[in-house]
Structures are given as C-alpha cells and as structure tokens.
C-alpha cells in the first residue's frame, strides 16, 4: 500500500473499515499500516441534537 492510495481510500470511505474494503485489505492491515507509518485517523464529529424526551436513565 502506498500513502496516496491509503489517504484517498480514507477520504472516500470515511473510516478505516470502509478504506480497507476499498483497498481490498483487512481492517487490521490498514490500521497497522497507518500506525506503522506514523499517521493517525481522527474521527469525524457529528453534531446531533439531544431529544426533548427523557431517556430511561433520566427518569
């Protein structure tokens, strides 16, 4: 795997698991490659509005 292919797959797929599928490699192989070459993947933050209803834990 080369850096450009991994970077492109991560950007297109959005996750290590999706990138692994695009690269036809295992999740572990892609994760190992990222760590071995000194990179990290930061999770995308998603803003979600909390519902007005109380959850079972809040009752």
Foldseek 3Di string as FASTA:
>chain_A
DDPVLQVVLCVVQVDLCSSCVVVVHHSVVSVCVCVVVPHDDDHDDDDDDDDPDDDPVRD
